[in-house]
Amino acid sequence: MVTNMVIFLTVLVYGVNFLVYMYLKINHIKDYLEKIAIYFGTNMTLLFTSGIFLFFGKIVEDGILVFE
């Protein structure tokens, strides 16, 4: 279960980074500091939510294994 979640979250992170790249490319944002801030903020949010999903996924998986 956790392995599938890690694969899903990896694909999600790469997909969102691609969408952010396309957003910056389409809107022609030239300020490098603004680009870095957008990438940093997006990736920090994704990593935070991924960590939460993995934490609760591991708790659920261990809880299910205890009952088996």
PDB file of N, CA and C in Angstrom:
ATOM      1  N   MET A   1       0.822  -1.190   0.000  1.00  0.00           N
ATOM      2  CA  MET A   1       0.000   0.000   0.000  1.00  0.00           C
ATOM      3  C   MET A   1       0.870   1.260   0.000  1.00  0.00           C
ATOM      4  N   VAL A   2       1.876   1.286   0.864  1.00  0.00           N
ATOM      5  CA  VAL A   2       2.736   2.459   0.932  1.00  0.00           C
ATOM      6  C   VAL A   2       3.548   2.593  -0.352  1.00  0.00           C
ATOM      7  N   THR A   3       3.943   1.471  -0.944  1.00  0.00           N
ATOM      8  CA  THR A   3       4.696   1.520  -2.201  1.00  0.00           C
ATOM      9  C   THR A   3       3.862   2.152  -3.301  1.00  0.00           C
ATOM     10  N   ASN A   4       2.605   1.764  -3.399  1.00  0.00           N
ATOM     11  CA  ASN A   4       1.727   2.365  -4.407  1.00  0.00           C
ATOM     12  C   ASN A   4       1.527   3.852  -4.142  1.00  0.00           C
ATOM     13  N   MET A   5       1.436   4.226  -2.873  1.00  0.00           N
ATOM     14  CA  MET A   5       1.259   5.636  -2.536  1.00  0.00           C
ATOM     15  C   MET A   5       2.504   6.440  -2.900  1.00  0.00           C
ATOM     16  N   VAL A   6       3.690   5.873  -2.673  1.00  0.00           N
ATOM     17  CA  VAL A   6       4.934   6.563  -3.029  1.00  0.00           C
ATOM     18  C   VAL A   6       5.007   6.768  -4.534  1.00  0.00           C
ATOM     19  N   ILE A   7       4.631   5.759  -5.299  1.00  0.00           N
ATOM     20  CA  ILE A   7       4.629   5.885  -6.763  1.00  0.00           C
ATOM     21  C   ILE A   7       3.638   6.953  -7.198  1.00  0.00           C
ATOM     22  N   PHE A   8       2.439   6.945  -6.626  1.00  0.00           N
ATOM     23  CA  PHE A   8       1.429   7.950  -6.974  1.00  0.00           C
ATOM     24  C   PHE A   8       1.901   9.357  -6.626  1.00  0.00           C
ATOM     25  N   LEU A   9       2.474   9.530  -5.438  1.00  0.00           N
ATOM     26  CA  LEU A   9       2.925  10.856  -5.016  1.00  0.00           C
ATOM     27  C   LEU A   9       4.099  11.343  -5.856  1.00  0.00           C
ATOM     28  N   THR A  10       4.969  10.432  -6.303  1.00  0.00           N
ATOM     29  CA  THR A  10       6.068  10.817  -7.190  1.00  0.00           C
ATOM     30  C   THR A  10       5.536  11.316  -8.517  1.00  0.00           C
ATOM     31  N   VAL A  11       4.582  10.595  -9.083  1.00  0.00           N
ATOM     32  CA  VAL A  11       3.967  11.025 -10.341  1.00  0.00           C
ATOM     33  C   VAL A  11       3.243  12.354 -10.143  1.00  0.00           C
ATOM     34  N   LEU A  12       2.588  12.520  -9.010  1.00  0.00           N
ATOM     35  CA  LEU A  12       1.892  13.773  -8.715  1.00  0.00           C
ATOM     36  C   LEU A  12       2.862  14.951  -8.643  1.00  0.00           C
ATOM     37  N   VAL A  13       3.990  14.769  -7.970  1.00  0.00           N
ATOM     38  CA  VAL A  13       4.978  15.849  -7.845  1.00  0.00           C
ATOM     39  C   VAL A  13       5.529  16.226  -9.210  1.00  0.00           C
ATOM     40  N   TYR A  14       5.902  15.232 -10.018  1.00  0.00           N
ATOM     41  CA  TYR A  14       6.420  15.538 -11.350  1.00  0.00           C
ATOM     42  C   TYR A  14       5.354  16.181 -12.227  1.00  0.00           C
ATOM     43  N   GLY A  15       4.117  15.728 -12.107  1.00  0.00           N
ATOM     44  CA  GLY A  15       3.032  16.311 -12.897  1.00  0.00           C
ATOM     45  C   GLY A  15       2.762  17.758 -12.528  1.00  0.00           C
ATOM     46  N   VAL A  16       2.735  18.046 -11.237  1.00  0.00           N
ATOM     47  CA  VAL A  16       2.491  19.423 -10.797  1.00  0.00           C
ATOM     48  C   VAL A  16       3.657  20.321 -11.187  1.00  0.00           C
ATOM     49  N   ASN A  17       4.882  19.814 -11.082  1.00  0.00           N
ATOM     50  CA  ASN A  17       6.031  20.612 -11.511  1.00  0.00           C
ATOM     51  C   ASN A  17       5.970  20.912 -13.003  1.00  0.00           C
ATOM     52  N   PHE A  18       5.511  19.962 -13.799  1.00  0.00           N
ATOM     53  CA  PHE A  18       5.350  20.206 -15.232  1.00  0.00           C
ATOM     54  C   PHE A  18       4.284  21.266 -15.480  1.00  0.00           C
ATOM     55  N   LEU A  19       3.170  21.186 -14.750  1.00  0.00           N
ATOM     56  CA  LEU A  19       2.118  22.195 -14.912  1.00  0.00           C
ATOM     57  C   LEU A  19       2.595  23.587 -14.499  1.00  0.00           C
ATOM     58  N   VAL A  20       3.390  23.666 -13.439  1.00  0.00           N
ATOM     59  CA  VAL A  20       3.941  24.960 -13.019  1.00  0.00           C
ATOM     60  C   VAL A  20       4.896  25.488 -14.084  1.00  0.00           C
ATOM     61  N   TYR A  21       5.721  24.601 -14.640  1.00  0.00           N
ATOM     62  CA  TYR A  21       6.634  25.002 -15.717  1.00  0.00           C
ATOM     63  C   TYR A  21       5.853  25.548 -16.910  1.00  0.00           C
ATOM     64  N   MET A  22       4.779  24.861 -17.290  1.00  0.00           N
ATOM     65  CA  MET A  22       3.978  25.334 -18.427  1.00  0.00           C
ATOM     66  C   MET A  22       3.288  26.654 -18.096  1.00  0.00           C
ATOM     67  N   TYR A  23       2.824  26.821 -16.863  1.00  0.00           N
ATOM     68  CA  TYR A  23       2.203  28.079 -16.440  1.00  0.00           C
ATOM     69  C   TYR A  23       3.193  29.232 -16.562  1.00  0.00           C
ATOM     70  N   LEU A  24       4.411  29.007 -16.086  1.00  0.00           N
ATOM     71  CA  LEU A  24       5.421  30.064 -16.160  1.00  0.00           C
ATOM     72  C   LEU A  24       5.823  30.354 -17.602  1.00  0.00           C
ATOM     73  N   LYS A  25       5.830  29.324 -18.421  1.00  0.00           N
ATOM     74  CA  LYS A  25       6.199  29.506 -19.827  1.00  0.00           C
ATOM     75  C   LYS A  25       5.103  30.253 -20.587  1.00  0.00           C
ATOM     76  N   ILE A  26       3.852  29.930 -20.333  1.00  0.00           N
ATOM     77  CA  ILE A  26       2.734  30.563 -21.044  1.00  0.00           C
ATOM     78  C   ILE A  26       2.578  32.020 -20.621  1.00  0.00           C
ATOM     79  N   ASN A  27       2.726  32.299 -19.327  1.00  0.00           N
ATOM     80  CA  ASN A  27       2.531  33.663 -18.831  1.00  0.00           C
ATOM     81  C   ASN A  27       3.772  34.539 -18.959  1.00  0.00           C
ATOM     82  N   HIS A  28       4.853  34.005 -19.493  1.00  0.00           N
ATOM     83  CA  HIS A  28       6.085  34.754 -19.769  1.00  0.00           C
ATOM     84  C   HIS A  28       6.581  35.515 -18.546  1.00  0.00           C
ATOM     85  N   ILE A  29       6.706  34.814 -17.443  1.00  0.00           N
ATOM     86  CA  ILE A  29       7.257  35.429 -16.234  1.00  0.00           C
ATOM     87  C   ILE A  29       8.776  35.418 -16.373  1.00  0.00           C
ATOM     88  N   LYS A  30       9.367  36.583 -16.415  1.00  0.00           N
ATOM     89  CA  LYS A  30      10.799  36.700 -16.670  1.00  0.00           C
ATOM     90  C   LYS A  30      11.620  36.922 -15.397  1.00  0.00           C
ATOM     91  N   ASP A  31      10.985  37.339 -14.329  1.00  0.00           N
ATOM     92  CA  ASP A  31      11.704  37.597 -13.085  1.00  0.00           C
ATOM     93  C   ASP A  31      12.139  36.265 -12.467  1.00  0.00           C
ATOM     94  N   TYR A  32      13.452  36.062 -12.362  1.00  0.00           N
ATOM     95  CA  TYR A  32      13.972  34.784 -11.884  1.00  0.00           C
ATOM     96  C   TYR A  32      13.645  34.541 -10.412  1.00  0.00           C
ATOM     97  N   LEU A  33      13.648  35.594  -9.631  1.00  0.00           N
ATOM     98  CA  LEU A  33      13.329  35.430  -8.216  1.00  0.00           C
ATOM     99  C   LEU A  33      11.877  34.991  -8.026  1.00  0.00           C
ATOM    100  N   GLU A  34      10.985  35.528  -8.845  1.00  0.00           N
ATOM    101  CA  GLU A  34       9.579  35.128  -8.774  1.00  0.00           C
ATOM    102  C   GLU A  34       9.406  33.676  -9.206  1.00  0.00           C
ATOM    103  N   LYS A  35      10.136  33.256 -10.246  1.00  0.00           N
ATOM    104  CA  LYS A  35      10.069  31.856 -10.687  1.00  0.00           C
ATOM    105  C   LYS A  35      10.541  30.912  -9.586  1.00  0.00           C
ATOM    106  N   ILE A  36      11.662  31.259  -8.969  1.00  0.00           N
ATOM    107  CA  ILE A  36      12.198  30.414  -7.899  1.00  0.00           C
ATOM    108  C   ILE A  36      11.222  30.349  -6.727  1.00  0.00           C
ATOM    109  N   ALA A  37      10.597  31.483  -6.404  1.00  0.00           N
ATOM    110  CA  ALA A  37       9.633  31.511  -5.302  1.00  0.00           C
ATOM    111  C   ALA A  37       8.424  30.629  -5.605  1.00  0.00           C
ATOM    112  N   ILE A  38       7.952  30.672  -6.848  1.00  0.00           N
ATOM    113  CA  ILE A  38       6.800  29.842  -7.230  1.00  0.00           C
ATOM    114  C   ILE A  38       7.166  28.367  -7.164  1.00  0.00           C
ATOM    115  N   TYR A  39       8.327  27.993  -7.731  1.00  0.00           N
ATOM    116  CA  TYR A  39       8.765  26.598  -7.675  1.00  0.00           C
ATOM    117  C   TYR A  39       8.964  26.133  -6.230  1.00  0.00           C
ATOM    118  N   PHE A  40       9.624  26.964  -5.420  1.00  0.00           N
ATOM    119  CA  PHE A  40       9.901  26.598  -4.033  1.00  0.00           C
ATOM    120  C   PHE A  40       8.607  26.427  -3.243  1.00  0.00           C
ATOM    121  N   GLY A  41       7.691  27.365  -3.394  1.00  0.00           N
ATOM    122  CA  GLY A  41       6.420  27.274  -2.681  1.00  0.00           C
ATOM    123  C   GLY A  41       5.604  26.068  -3.093  1.00  0.00           C
ATOM    124  N   THR A  42       5.573  25.796  -4.389  1.00  0.00           N
ATOM    125  CA  THR A  42       4.828  24.638  -4.890  1.00  0.00           C
ATOM    126  C   THR A  42       5.431  23.339  -4.375  1.00  0.00           C
ATOM    127  N   ASN A  43       6.748  23.216  -4.462  1.00  0.00           N
ATOM    128  CA  ASN A  43       7.390  21.976  -4.036  1.00  0.00           C
ATOM    129  C   ASN A  43       7.311  21.773  -2.532  1.00  0.00           C
ATOM    130  N   MET A  44       7.426  22.836  -1.753  1.00  0.00           N
ATOM    131  CA  MET A  44       7.301  22.692  -0.303  1.00  0.00           C
ATOM    132  C   MET A  44       5.885  22.250   0.081  1.00  0.00           C
ATOM    133  N   THR A  45       4.890  22.793  -0.586  1.00  0.00           N
ATOM    134  CA  THR A  45       3.509  22.386  -0.319  1.00  0.00           C
ATOM    135  C   THR A  45       3.293  20.928  -0.697  1.00  0.00           C
ATOM    136  N   LEU A  46       3.809  20.521  -1.862  1.00  0.00           N
ATOM    137  CA  LEU A  46       3.663  19.131  -2.294  1.00  0.00           C
ATOM    138  C   LEU A  46       4.380  18.177  -1.351  1.00  0.00           C
ATOM    139  N   LEU A  47       5.583  18.517  -0.933  1.00  0.00           N
ATOM    140  CA  LEU A  47       6.317  17.637  -0.029  1.00  0.00           C
ATOM    141  C   LEU A  47       5.641  17.543   1.338  1.00  0.00           C
ATOM    142  N   PHE A  48       5.075  18.643   1.804  1.00  0.00           N
ATOM    143  CA  PHE A  48       4.357  18.626   3.081  1.00  0.00           C
ATOM    144  C   PHE A  48       3.137  17.714   3.004  1.00  0.00           C
ATOM    145  N   THR A  49       2.331  17.868   1.958  1.00  0.00           N
ATOM    146  CA  THR A  49       1.136  17.027   1.826  1.00  0.00           C
ATOM    147  C   THR A  49       1.516  15.572   1.565  1.00  0.00           C
ATOM    148  N   SER A  50       2.586  15.335   0.817  1.00  0.00           N
ATOM    149  CA  SER A  50       3.037  13.963   0.587  1.00  0.00           C
ATOM    150  C   SER A  50       3.448  13.307   1.899  1.00  0.00           C
ATOM    151  N   GLY A  51       4.148  14.051   2.730  1.00  0.00           N
ATOM    152  CA  GLY A  51       4.547  13.522   4.032  1.00  0.00           C
ATOM    153  C   GLY A  51       3.356  13.180   4.904  1.00  0.00           C
ATOM    154  N   ILE A  52       2.338  14.026   4.869  1.00  0.00           N
ATOM    155  CA  ILE A  52       1.125  13.750   5.645  1.00  0.00           C
ATOM    156  C   ILE A  52       0.444  12.487   5.133  1.00  0.00           C
ATOM    157  N   PHE A  53       0.304  12.363   3.802  1.00  0.00           N
ATOM    158  CA  PHE A  53      -0.322  11.165   3.234  1.00  0.00           C
ATOM    159  C   PHE A  53       0.466   9.911   3.594  1.00  0.00           C
ATOM    160  N   LEU A  54       1.793   9.963   3.501  1.00  0.00           N
ATOM    161  CA  LEU A  54       2.603   8.792   3.825  1.00  0.00           C
ATOM    162  C   LEU A  54       2.530   8.452   5.311  1.00  0.00           C
ATOM    163  N   PHE A  55       2.512   9.455   6.160  1.00  0.00           N
ATOM    164  CA  PHE A  55       2.421   9.221   7.602  1.00  0.00           C
ATOM    165  C   PHE A  55       1.123   8.507   7.956  1.00  0.00           C
ATOM    166  N   PHE A  56      -0.001   9.048   7.478  1.00  0.00           N
ATOM    167  CA  PHE A  56      -1.285   8.421   7.800  1.00  0.00           C
ATOM    168  C   PHE A  56      -1.460   7.086   7.073  1.00  0.00           C
ATOM    169  N   GLY A  57      -0.893   6.965   5.873  1.00  0.00           N
ATOM    170  CA  GLY A  57      -0.941   5.683   5.170  1.00  0.00           C
ATOM    171  C   GLY A  57      -0.198   4.601   5.924  1.00  0.00           C
ATOM    172  N   LYS A  58       0.958   4.952   6.481  1.00  0.00           N
ATOM    173  CA  LYS A  58       1.728   3.982   7.259  1.00  0.00           C
ATOM    174  C   LYS A  58       0.997   3.615   8.548  1.00  0.00           C
ATOM    175  N   ILE A  59       0.357   4.582   9.179  1.00  0.00           N
ATOM    176  CA  ILE A  59      -0.421   4.291  10.392  1.00  0.00           C
ATOM    177  C   ILE A  59      -1.571   3.342  10.060  1.00  0.00           C
ATOM    178  N   VAL A  60      -2.269   3.606   8.971  1.00  0.00           N
ATOM    179  CA  VAL A  60      -3.388   2.741   8.569  1.00  0.00           C
ATOM    180  C   VAL A  60      -2.882   1.352   8.224  1.00  0.00           C
ATOM    181  N   GLU A  61      -1.764   1.270   7.482  1.00  0.00           N
ATOM    182  CA  GLU A  61      -1.230  -0.034   7.104  1.00  0.00           C
ATOM    183  C   GLU A  61      -0.808  -0.832   8.336  1.00  0.00           C
ATOM    184  N   ASP A  62      -0.132  -0.205   9.269  1.00  0.00           N
ATOM    185  CA  ASP A  62       0.265  -0.913  10.489  1.00  0.00           C
ATOM    186  C   ASP A  62      -0.945  -1.303  11.323  1.00  0.00           C
ATOM    187  N   GLY A  63      -1.967  -0.466  11.336  1.00  0.00           N
ATOM    188  CA  GLY A  63      -3.189  -0.793  12.062  1.00  0.00           C
ATOM    189  C   GLY A  63      -3.897  -1.983  11.460  1.00  0.00           C
ATOM    190  N   ILE A  64      -3.900  -2.069  10.136  1.00  0.00           N
ATOM    191  CA  ILE A  64      -4.534  -3.206   9.464  1.00  0.00           C
ATOM    192  C   ILE A  64      -3.737  -4.475   9.721  1.00  0.00           C
ATOM    193  N   LEU A  65      -2.399  -4.374   9.727  1.00  0.00           N
ATOM    194  CA  LEU A  65      -1.576  -5.551   9.963  1.00  0.00           C
ATOM    195  C   LEU A  65      -1.728  -6.067  11.394  1.00  0.00           C
ATOM    196  N   VAL A  66      -2.018  -5.194  12.335  1.00  0.00           N
ATOM    197  CA  VAL A  66      -2.215  -5.624  13.721  1.00  0.00           C
ATOM    198  C   VAL A  66      -3.469  -6.485  13.834  1.00  0.00           C
ATOM    199  N   PHE A  67      -4.515  -6.142  13.067  1.00  0.00           N
ATOM    200  CA  PHE A  67      -5.774  -6.880  13.150  1.00  0.00           C
ATOM    201  C   PHE A  67      -5.755  -8.197  12.383  1.00  0.00           C
ATOM    202  N   GLU A  68      -4.749  -8.425  11.533  1.00  0.00           N
ATOM    203  CA  GLU A  68      -4.724  -9.673  10.750  1.00  0.00           C
ATOM    204  C   GLU A  68      -4.159 -10.821  11.519  1.00  0.00           C
TER     205      GLU A  68
END
